[in-house]
Amino acid sequence: MSDLTFRAASEQDLPAIVALLADDELGSSREDASLPLNDAYVDAFAAIDSDPNQLLTVVEKDGAIAGCLQLTFIPGLSRRGMWRGQIESVRIAASQRGSGLGRQMLEWAIEECRSRGCGLAQLTTDKSRKDACRFYASLGFTASHEGMKLSLPSNANS
């Protein structure tokens, strides 16, 4: 496999990252990869980039962005003050799916969590992503909790 480069994302990477987020069945209905990018993506990137407990990462293969993920390092009082690493927005370019890149990315993310003092790495994935669920289980993740979400509509129209 070609050399991979893991690095913090820059604002110039946003079009490629948003394209990765939009390139699947769920993402295609909730992301907007049209150019110029929606300012909400730029604002979100600025917030992520300025927070030392956030790490938006891109993976380059042969000079092109082949994947991305976001790590959030969460301090907590439970489990004797243990830090957790939250892994989110894992995406692999369609041309790289099945190549082992996802496993390398997750192994890198787990090590990054460990190096930041986290005692636990956790992630969520949509229940409809059956292949992703099997993949994460193959890495040792267990479905130990039931996750819930509540959509909070904007009050812009009030």
N, C-alpha and C. Protein backbone atom coordinates (compact mmCIF):
# COMPACT_ATOMS: atom_id res chain seq x y z
N MET A 1 0.85 -1.18 0.00
CA MET A 1 0.00 0.00 0.00
C MET A 1 0.89 1.23 0.00
N SER A 2 0.48 2.26 -0.71
CA SER A 2 1.24 3.50 -0.78
C SER A 2 1.34 4.12 0.60
N ASP A 3 2.30 5.01 0.72
CA ASP A 3 2.48 5.72 1.97
C ASP A 3 1.26 6.58 2.26
N LEU A 4 0.87 6.59 3.53
CA LEU A 4 -0.24 7.41 3.98
C LEU A 4 0.30 8.54 4.83
N THR A 5 -0.34 9.69 4.76
CA THR A 5 0.00 10.82 5.60
C THR A 5 -1.25 11.21 6.39
N PHE A 6 -1.14 11.19 7.70
CA PHE A 6 -2.20 11.64 8.59
C PHE A 6 -1.82 13.05 9.03
N ARG A 7 -2.73 14.00 8.86
CA ARG A 7 -2.42 15.37 9.28
C ARG A 7 -3.69 16.10 9.67
N ALA A 8 -3.49 17.15 10.46
CA ALA A 8 -4.62 18.02 10.81
C ALA A 8 -5.14 18.67 9.54
N ALA A 9 -6.44 18.73 9.42
CA ALA A 9 -7.06 19.34 8.25
C ALA A 9 -6.84 20.85 8.28
N SER A 10 -6.78 21.43 7.09
CA SER A 10 -6.72 22.88 6.94
C SER A 10 -8.01 23.34 6.27
N GLU A 11 -8.25 24.63 6.31
CA GLU A 11 -9.45 25.16 5.68
C GLU A 11 -9.48 24.84 4.19
N GLN A 12 -8.32 24.74 3.56
CA GLN A 12 -8.26 24.41 2.14
C GLN A 12 -8.75 22.99 1.86
N ASP A 13 -8.76 22.14 2.89
CA ASP A 13 -9.23 20.76 2.73
C ASP A 13 -10.75 20.63 2.79
N LEU A 14 -11.44 21.70 3.20
CA LEU A 14 -12.88 21.60 3.42
C LEU A 14 -13.67 21.07 2.22
N PRO A 15 -13.45 21.54 1.00
CA PRO A 15 -14.25 20.98 -0.11
C PRO A 15 -14.09 19.46 -0.23
N ALA A 16 -12.88 18.95 -0.05
CA ALA A 16 -12.66 17.50 -0.14
C ALA A 16 -13.33 16.78 1.03
N ILE A 17 -13.27 17.35 2.22
CA ILE A 17 -13.88 16.72 3.39
C ILE A 17 -15.39 16.67 3.23
N VAL A 18 -15.99 17.79 2.84
CA VAL A 18 -17.45 17.83 2.67
C VAL A 18 -17.87 16.87 1.56
N ALA A 19 -17.07 16.77 0.50
CA ALA A 19 -17.39 15.81 -0.56
C ALA A 19 -17.38 14.38 -0.02
N LEU A 20 -16.42 14.05 0.84
CA LEU A 20 -16.40 12.72 1.46
C LEU A 20 -17.63 12.50 2.33
N LEU A 21 -18.01 13.52 3.10
CA LEU A 21 -19.18 13.39 3.98
C LEU A 21 -20.46 13.18 3.16
N ALA A 22 -20.51 13.78 1.98
CA ALA A 22 -21.71 13.69 1.15
C ALA A 22 -21.76 12.43 0.29
N ASP A 23 -20.66 11.69 0.22
CA ASP A 23 -20.55 10.58 -0.72
C ASP A 23 -21.01 9.25 -0.15
N ASP A 24 -22.20 9.22 0.38
CA ASP A 24 -22.85 7.95 0.74
C ASP A 24 -24.34 8.20 0.87
N GLU A 25 -25.08 7.12 1.07
CA GLU A 25 -26.54 7.21 1.06
C GLU A 25 -27.08 8.20 2.09
N LEU A 26 -26.56 8.17 3.31
CA LEU A 26 -27.05 9.08 4.34
C LEU A 26 -26.53 10.50 4.12
N GLY A 27 -25.26 10.61 3.83
CA GLY A 27 -24.65 11.92 3.67
C GLY A 27 -25.18 12.70 2.50
N SER A 28 -25.57 12.00 1.44
CA SER A 28 -26.05 12.70 0.24
C SER A 28 -27.32 13.50 0.53
N SER A 29 -28.08 13.10 1.54
CA SER A 29 -29.32 13.81 1.85
C SER A 29 -29.13 14.90 2.91
N ARG A 30 -27.97 14.93 3.58
CA ARG A 30 -27.81 15.92 4.64
C ARG A 30 -26.63 16.86 4.46
N GLU A 31 -25.78 16.60 3.47
CA GLU A 31 -24.63 17.48 3.22
C GLU A 31 -24.82 18.21 1.90
N ASP A 32 -24.08 19.30 1.75
CA ASP A 32 -24.13 20.11 0.53
C ASP A 32 -22.70 20.37 0.08
N ALA A 33 -22.24 19.59 -0.88
CA ALA A 33 -20.86 19.69 -1.35
C ALA A 33 -20.69 20.70 -2.49
N SER A 34 -21.75 21.47 -2.81
CA SER A 34 -21.63 22.44 -3.90
C SER A 34 -20.66 23.55 -3.51
N LEU A 35 -20.05 24.13 -4.55
CA LEU A 35 -19.08 25.21 -4.36
C LEU A 35 -19.68 26.52 -4.84
N PRO A 36 -19.41 27.63 -4.18
CA PRO A 36 -18.61 27.71 -2.96
C PRO A 36 -19.34 27.04 -1.80
N LEU A 37 -18.55 26.56 -0.85
CA LEU A 37 -19.14 25.87 0.31
C LEU A 37 -20.03 26.80 1.12
N ASN A 38 -21.05 26.22 1.68
CA ASN A 38 -21.91 26.93 2.61
C ASN A 38 -21.05 27.46 3.76
N ASP A 39 -21.29 28.70 4.16
CA ASP A 39 -20.51 29.32 5.25
C ASP A 39 -20.59 28.53 6.55
N ALA A 40 -21.63 27.74 6.73
CA ALA A 40 -21.75 26.96 7.97
C ALA A 40 -20.58 25.98 8.11
N TYR A 41 -20.09 25.43 7.00
CA TYR A 41 -18.94 24.53 7.06
C TYR A 41 -17.68 25.29 7.46
N VAL A 42 -17.51 26.47 6.93
CA VAL A 42 -16.33 27.28 7.25
C VAL A 42 -16.37 27.68 8.73
N ASP A 43 -17.55 28.07 9.22
CA ASP A 43 -17.70 28.44 10.63
C ASP A 43 -17.44 27.25 11.55
N ALA A 44 -17.96 26.09 11.16
CA ALA A 44 -17.75 24.88 11.96
C ALA A 44 -16.27 24.53 11.99
N PHE A 45 -15.60 24.63 10.83
CA PHE A 45 -14.17 24.34 10.80
C PHE A 45 -13.41 25.27 11.74
N ALA A 46 -13.74 26.56 11.72
CA ALA A 46 -13.05 27.53 12.58
C ALA A 46 -13.22 27.15 14.05
N ALA A 47 -14.42 26.72 14.43
CA ALA A 47 -14.66 26.32 15.83
C ALA A 47 -13.85 25.07 16.18
N ILE A 48 -13.84 24.10 15.29
CA ILE A 48 -13.08 22.87 15.52
C ILE A 48 -11.59 23.18 15.62
N ASP A 49 -11.10 23.97 14.67
CA ASP A 49 -9.68 24.27 14.58
C ASP A 49 -9.17 25.06 15.80
N SER A 50 -10.04 25.84 16.42
CA SER A 50 -9.61 26.66 17.56
C SER A 50 -9.72 25.94 18.90
N ASP A 51 -10.28 24.74 18.90
CA ASP A 51 -10.51 23.99 20.15
C ASP A 51 -9.42 22.92 20.31
N PRO A 52 -8.59 23.02 21.35
CA PRO A 52 -7.51 22.04 21.52
C PRO A 52 -7.98 20.61 21.78
N ASN A 53 -9.25 20.44 22.11
CA ASN A 53 -9.77 19.09 22.33
C ASN A 53 -10.46 18.51 21.09
N GLN A 54 -10.24 19.16 19.94
CA GLN A 54 -10.77 18.68 18.66
C GLN A 54 -9.62 18.46 17.71
N LEU A 55 -9.71 17.42 16.92
CA LEU A 55 -8.71 17.16 15.89
C LEU A 55 -9.41 16.62 14.65
N LEU A 56 -9.58 17.49 13.67
CA LEU A 56 -10.12 17.08 12.39
C LEU A 56 -8.94 16.64 11.54
N THR A 57 -8.96 15.40 11.11
CA THR A 57 -7.81 14.78 10.46
C THR A 57 -8.16 14.35 9.04
N VAL A 58 -7.22 14.58 8.13
CA VAL A 58 -7.34 14.02 6.78
C VAL A 58 -6.22 13.02 6.59
N VAL A 59 -6.49 12.06 5.74
CA VAL A 59 -5.50 11.05 5.37
C VAL A 59 -5.23 11.21 3.88
N GLU A 60 -3.97 11.42 3.56
CA GLU A 60 -3.57 11.54 2.16
C GLU A 60 -2.92 10.25 1.70
N LYS A 61 -3.27 9.87 0.49
CA LYS A 61 -2.63 8.73 -0.17
C LYS A 61 -2.26 9.19 -1.57
N ASP A 62 -1.01 9.05 -1.90
CA ASP A 62 -0.51 9.49 -3.20
C ASP A 62 -0.87 10.95 -3.47
N GLY A 63 -0.81 11.78 -2.42
CA GLY A 63 -1.03 13.22 -2.55
C GLY A 63 -2.47 13.67 -2.60
N ALA A 64 -3.42 12.74 -2.52
CA ALA A 64 -4.84 13.10 -2.56
C ALA A 64 -5.50 12.72 -1.24
N ILE A 65 -6.51 13.47 -0.85
CA ILE A 65 -7.24 13.15 0.38
C ILE A 65 -8.07 11.90 0.13
N ALA A 66 -7.79 10.85 0.91
CA ALA A 66 -8.45 9.56 0.74
C ALA A 66 -9.40 9.24 1.89
N GLY A 67 -9.35 10.03 2.97
CA GLY A 67 -10.22 9.79 4.10
C GLY A 67 -10.15 10.92 5.10
N CYS A 68 -11.09 10.91 6.02
CA CYS A 68 -11.10 11.92 7.07
C CYS A 68 -11.79 11.34 8.31
N LEU A 69 -11.52 11.96 9.43
CA LEU A 69 -12.22 11.64 10.67
C LEU A 69 -12.02 12.79 11.64
N GLN A 70 -12.89 12.85 12.63
CA GLN A 70 -12.78 13.87 13.66
C GLN A 70 -12.66 13.19 15.02
N LEU A 71 -11.68 13.64 15.79
CA LEU A 71 -11.49 13.16 17.16
C LEU A 71 -11.85 14.28 18.12
N THR A 72 -12.58 13.93 19.15
CA THR A 72 -12.89 14.86 20.23
C THR A 72 -12.40 14.22 21.52
N PHE A 73 -11.62 14.97 22.26
CA PHE A 73 -11.06 14.48 23.51
C PHE A 73 -11.90 15.06 24.64
N ILE A 74 -12.57 14.17 25.39
CA ILE A 74 -13.59 14.58 26.35
C ILE A 74 -13.14 14.28 27.77
N PRO A 75 -12.94 15.33 28.58
CA PRO A 75 -12.65 15.08 29.99
C PRO A 75 -13.94 14.70 30.71
N GLY A 76 -13.82 13.92 31.74
CA GLY A 76 -15.02 13.54 32.48
C GLY A 76 -14.69 13.17 33.92
N LEU A 77 -15.69 13.24 34.75
CA LEU A 77 -15.50 12.86 36.15
C LEU A 77 -15.72 11.37 36.36
N SER A 78 -16.59 10.76 35.55
CA SER A 78 -16.86 9.33 35.74
C SER A 78 -15.62 8.52 35.42
N ARG A 79 -15.60 7.31 35.95
CA ARG A 79 -14.45 6.40 35.79
C ARG A 79 -13.17 7.05 36.30
N ARG A 80 -13.30 7.70 37.43
CA ARG A 80 -12.16 8.34 38.12
C ARG A 80 -11.48 9.41 37.29
N GLY A 81 -12.27 10.23 36.64
CA GLY A 81 -11.72 11.34 35.88
C GLY A 81 -11.12 10.96 34.54
N MET A 82 -11.55 9.85 34.00
CA MET A 82 -10.99 9.35 32.75
C MET A 82 -11.38 10.22 31.55
N TRP A 83 -10.42 10.43 30.66
CA TRP A 83 -10.68 11.08 29.38
C TRP A 83 -11.16 10.04 28.38
N ARG A 84 -12.02 10.47 27.47
CA ARG A 84 -12.52 9.62 26.39
C ARG A 84 -12.15 10.24 25.05
N GLY A 85 -11.91 9.41 24.10
CA GLY A 85 -11.71 9.86 22.73
C GLY A 85 -12.94 9.49 21.92
N GLN A 86 -13.60 10.49 21.37
CA GLN A 86 -14.79 10.28 20.54
C GLN A 86 -14.36 10.35 19.08
N ILE A 87 -14.63 9.29 18.34
CA ILE A 87 -14.26 9.21 16.92
C ILE A 87 -15.54 9.40 16.10
N GLU A 88 -15.54 10.39 15.23
CA GLU A 88 -16.74 10.71 14.44
C GLU A 88 -16.37 11.03 13.01
N SER A 89 -17.38 11.08 12.17
CA SER A 89 -17.26 11.52 10.77
C SER A 89 -16.16 10.77 10.03
N VAL A 90 -16.11 9.47 10.24
CA VAL A 90 -15.13 8.64 9.54
C VAL A 90 -15.64 8.42 8.12
N ARG A 91 -14.84 8.83 7.15
CA ARG A 91 -15.22 8.64 5.76
C ARG A 91 -14.00 8.22 4.95
N ILE A 92 -14.24 7.34 4.00
CA ILE A 92 -13.21 6.82 3.10
C ILE A 92 -13.66 7.15 1.67
N ALA A 93 -12.74 7.62 0.85
CA ALA A 93 -13.07 7.87 -0.55
C ALA A 93 -13.56 6.57 -1.19
N ALA A 94 -14.56 6.68 -2.03
CA ALA A 94 -15.16 5.50 -2.67
C ALA A 94 -14.10 4.63 -3.33
N SER A 95 -13.10 5.24 -3.94
CA SER A 95 -12.06 4.48 -4.64
C SER A 95 -11.16 3.70 -3.68
N GLN A 96 -11.23 4.01 -2.39
CA GLN A 96 -10.36 3.36 -1.40
C GLN A 96 -11.10 2.37 -0.51
N ARG A 97 -12.42 2.31 -0.63
CA ARG A 97 -13.19 1.41 0.23
C ARG A 97 -12.80 -0.04 -0.06
N GLY A 98 -12.60 -0.80 1.01
CA GLY A 98 -12.20 -2.19 0.87
C GLY A 98 -10.70 -2.40 0.76
N SER A 99 -9.93 -1.31 0.81
CA SER A 99 -8.48 -1.40 0.62
C SER A 99 -7.70 -1.58 1.92
N GLY A 100 -8.40 -1.51 3.06
CA GLY A 100 -7.71 -1.57 4.35
C GLY A 100 -7.43 -0.20 4.93
N LEU A 101 -7.74 0.84 4.17
CA LEU A 101 -7.49 2.20 4.66
C LEU A 101 -8.30 2.51 5.91
N GLY A 102 -9.54 2.08 5.95
CA GLY A 102 -10.39 2.34 7.12
C GLY A 102 -9.79 1.75 8.39
N ARG A 103 -9.29 0.55 8.30
CA ARG A 103 -8.65 -0.10 9.45
C ARG A 103 -7.42 0.69 9.89
N GLN A 104 -6.61 1.12 8.93
CA GLN A 104 -5.43 1.91 9.27
C GLN A 104 -5.83 3.24 9.93
N MET A 105 -6.89 3.86 9.43
CA MET A 105 -7.34 5.12 10.01
C MET A 105 -7.82 4.93 11.44
N LEU A 106 -8.60 3.88 11.68
CA LEU A 106 -9.12 3.65 13.02
C LEU A 106 -8.00 3.26 13.98
N GLU A 107 -7.07 2.46 13.52
CA GLU A 107 -5.93 2.11 14.38
C GLU A 107 -5.13 3.36 14.73
N TRP A 108 -4.96 4.27 13.77
CA TRP A 108 -4.27 5.53 14.03
C TRP A 108 -5.05 6.36 15.05
N ALA A 109 -6.37 6.44 14.86
CA ALA A 109 -7.21 7.23 15.77
C ALA A 109 -7.16 6.68 17.19
N ILE A 110 -7.20 5.38 17.33
CA ILE A 110 -7.13 4.75 18.65
C ILE A 110 -5.80 5.08 19.31
N GLU A 111 -4.72 5.01 18.56
CA GLU A 111 -3.40 5.36 19.11
C GLU A 111 -3.33 6.83 19.49
N GLU A 112 -3.94 7.69 18.69
CA GLU A 112 -3.97 9.12 18.99
C GLU A 112 -4.73 9.37 20.30
N CYS A 113 -5.84 8.66 20.50
CA CYS A 113 -6.59 8.77 21.75
C CYS A 113 -5.72 8.32 22.92
N ARG A 114 -5.05 7.20 22.75
CA ARG A 114 -4.17 6.68 23.80
C ARG A 114 -3.06 7.69 24.12
N SER A 115 -2.46 8.28 23.09
CA SER A 115 -1.36 9.22 23.31
C SER A 115 -1.82 10.50 24.00
N ARG A 116 -3.12 10.82 23.90
CA ARG A 116 -3.67 12.00 24.57
C ARG A 116 -4.19 11.67 25.97
N GLY A 117 -3.92 10.46 26.44
CA GLY A 117 -4.30 10.08 27.80
C GLY A 117 -5.70 9.55 27.96
N CYS A 118 -6.35 9.21 26.86
CA CYS A 118 -7.71 8.67 26.95
C CYS A 118 -7.67 7.22 27.41
N GLY A 119 -8.60 6.87 28.27
CA GLY A 119 -8.73 5.50 28.73
C GLY A 119 -9.79 4.73 27.97
N LEU A 120 -10.47 5.41 27.04
CA LEU A 120 -11.56 4.80 26.30
C LEU A 120 -11.68 5.51 24.96
N ALA A 121 -11.87 4.74 23.91
CA ALA A 121 -12.20 5.30 22.60
C ALA A 121 -13.62 4.85 22.30
N GLN A 122 -14.43 5.78 21.84
CA GLN A 122 -15.83 5.46 21.56
C GLN A 122 -16.23 6.11 20.24
N LEU A 123 -17.29 5.58 19.66
CA LEU A 123 -17.81 6.14 18.42
C LEU A 123 -19.27 5.81 18.32
N THR A 124 -19.93 6.52 17.43
CA THR A 124 -21.30 6.18 17.09
C THR A 124 -21.35 5.96 15.58
N THR A 125 -22.30 5.15 15.17
CA THR A 125 -22.55 4.97 13.75
C THR A 125 -24.04 4.73 13.60
N ASP A 126 -24.59 5.15 12.51
CA ASP A 126 -26.01 4.97 12.26
C ASP A 126 -26.30 3.48 12.20
N LYS A 127 -27.39 3.07 12.83
CA LYS A 127 -27.74 1.65 12.87
C LYS A 127 -27.96 1.07 11.48
N SER A 128 -28.30 1.91 10.52
CA SER A 128 -28.53 1.40 9.16
C SER A 128 -27.22 1.06 8.45
N ARG A 129 -26.10 1.48 8.99
CA ARG A 129 -24.78 1.20 8.39
C ARG A 129 -24.28 -0.16 8.89
N LYS A 130 -24.89 -1.20 8.42
CA LYS A 130 -24.58 -2.56 8.89
C LYS A 130 -23.11 -2.93 8.65
N ASP A 131 -22.58 -2.59 7.48
CA ASP A 131 -21.17 -2.91 7.21
C ASP A 131 -20.26 -2.17 8.17
N ALA A 132 -20.58 -0.90 8.46
CA ALA A 132 -19.75 -0.12 9.41
C ALA A 132 -19.82 -0.75 10.79
N CYS A 133 -21.00 -1.19 11.21
CA CYS A 133 -21.13 -1.83 12.53
C CYS A 133 -20.25 -3.08 12.61
N ARG A 134 -20.26 -3.90 11.57
CA ARG A 134 -19.42 -5.11 11.55
C ARG A 134 -17.93 -4.73 11.56
N PHE A 135 -17.59 -3.70 10.80
CA PHE A 135 -16.20 -3.24 10.74
C PHE A 135 -15.72 -2.78 12.11
N TYR A 136 -16.50 -1.94 12.79
CA TYR A 136 -16.08 -1.45 14.11
C TYR A 136 -15.99 -2.60 15.11
N ALA A 137 -16.90 -3.55 15.02
CA ALA A 137 -16.83 -4.72 15.91
C ALA A 137 -15.54 -5.51 15.66
N SER A 138 -15.11 -5.59 14.40
CA SER A 138 -13.88 -6.33 14.09
C SER A 138 -12.64 -5.67 14.69
N LEU A 139 -12.77 -4.39 15.03
CA LEU A 139 -11.67 -3.66 15.68
C LEU A 139 -11.74 -3.73 17.21
N GLY A 140 -12.78 -4.40 17.71
CA GLY A 140 -12.90 -4.55 19.16
C GLY A 140 -13.93 -3.64 19.81
N PHE A 141 -14.58 -2.78 19.04
CA PHE A 141 -15.63 -1.93 19.61
C PHE A 141 -16.84 -2.80 19.91
N THR A 142 -17.50 -2.52 21.03
CA THR A 142 -18.70 -3.26 21.39
C THR A 142 -19.88 -2.29 21.50
N ALA A 143 -21.03 -2.78 21.13
CA ALA A 143 -22.26 -1.99 21.22
C ALA A 143 -22.78 -2.08 22.65
N SER A 144 -22.09 -1.38 23.56
CA SER A 144 -22.38 -1.50 24.99
C SER A 144 -23.46 -0.54 25.49
N HIS A 145 -23.78 0.47 24.70
CA HIS A 145 -24.75 1.47 25.13
C HIS A 145 -25.75 1.73 24.00
N GLU A 146 -26.88 2.25 24.34
CA GLU A 146 -27.87 2.67 23.35
C GLU A 146 -27.73 4.17 23.18
N GLY A 147 -27.41 4.62 21.98
CA GLY A 147 -27.27 6.05 21.72
C GLY A 147 -28.59 6.66 21.31
N MET A 148 -28.79 7.90 21.69
CA MET A 148 -30.01 8.61 21.33
C MET A 148 -29.67 10.00 20.87
N LYS A 149 -30.49 10.54 19.98
CA LYS A 149 -30.30 11.89 19.47
C LYS A 149 -31.63 12.62 19.51
N LEU A 150 -31.54 13.91 19.65
CA LEU A 150 -32.71 14.78 19.62
C LEU A 150 -32.39 15.93 18.67
N SER A 151 -33.13 16.04 17.58
CA SER A 151 -32.91 17.14 16.65
C SER A 151 -33.44 18.42 17.29
N LEU A 152 -32.65 19.48 17.17
CA LEU A 152 -33.02 20.78 17.71
C LEU A 152 -33.20 21.76 16.56
N PRO A 153 -34.43 21.91 16.08
CA PRO A 153 -34.66 22.83 14.95
C PRO A 153 -34.24 24.24 15.32
N SER A 154 -33.82 24.97 14.32
CA SER A 154 -33.41 26.35 14.51
C SER A 154 -34.60 27.21 14.92
N ASN A 155 -34.33 28.17 15.77
CA ASN A 155 -35.36 29.13 16.18
C ASN A 155 -35.32 30.37 15.30
N ALA A 156 -34.66 30.28 14.16
CA ALA A 156 -34.48 31.44 13.29
C ALA A 156 -35.81 32.01 12.80
N ASN A 157 -36.82 31.16 12.70
CA ASN A 157 -38.11 31.62 12.19
C ASN A 157 -39.05 32.11 13.29
N SER A 158 -38.60 32.10 14.55
CA SER A 158 -39.50 32.52 15.62
C SER A 158 -39.51 34.02 15.77
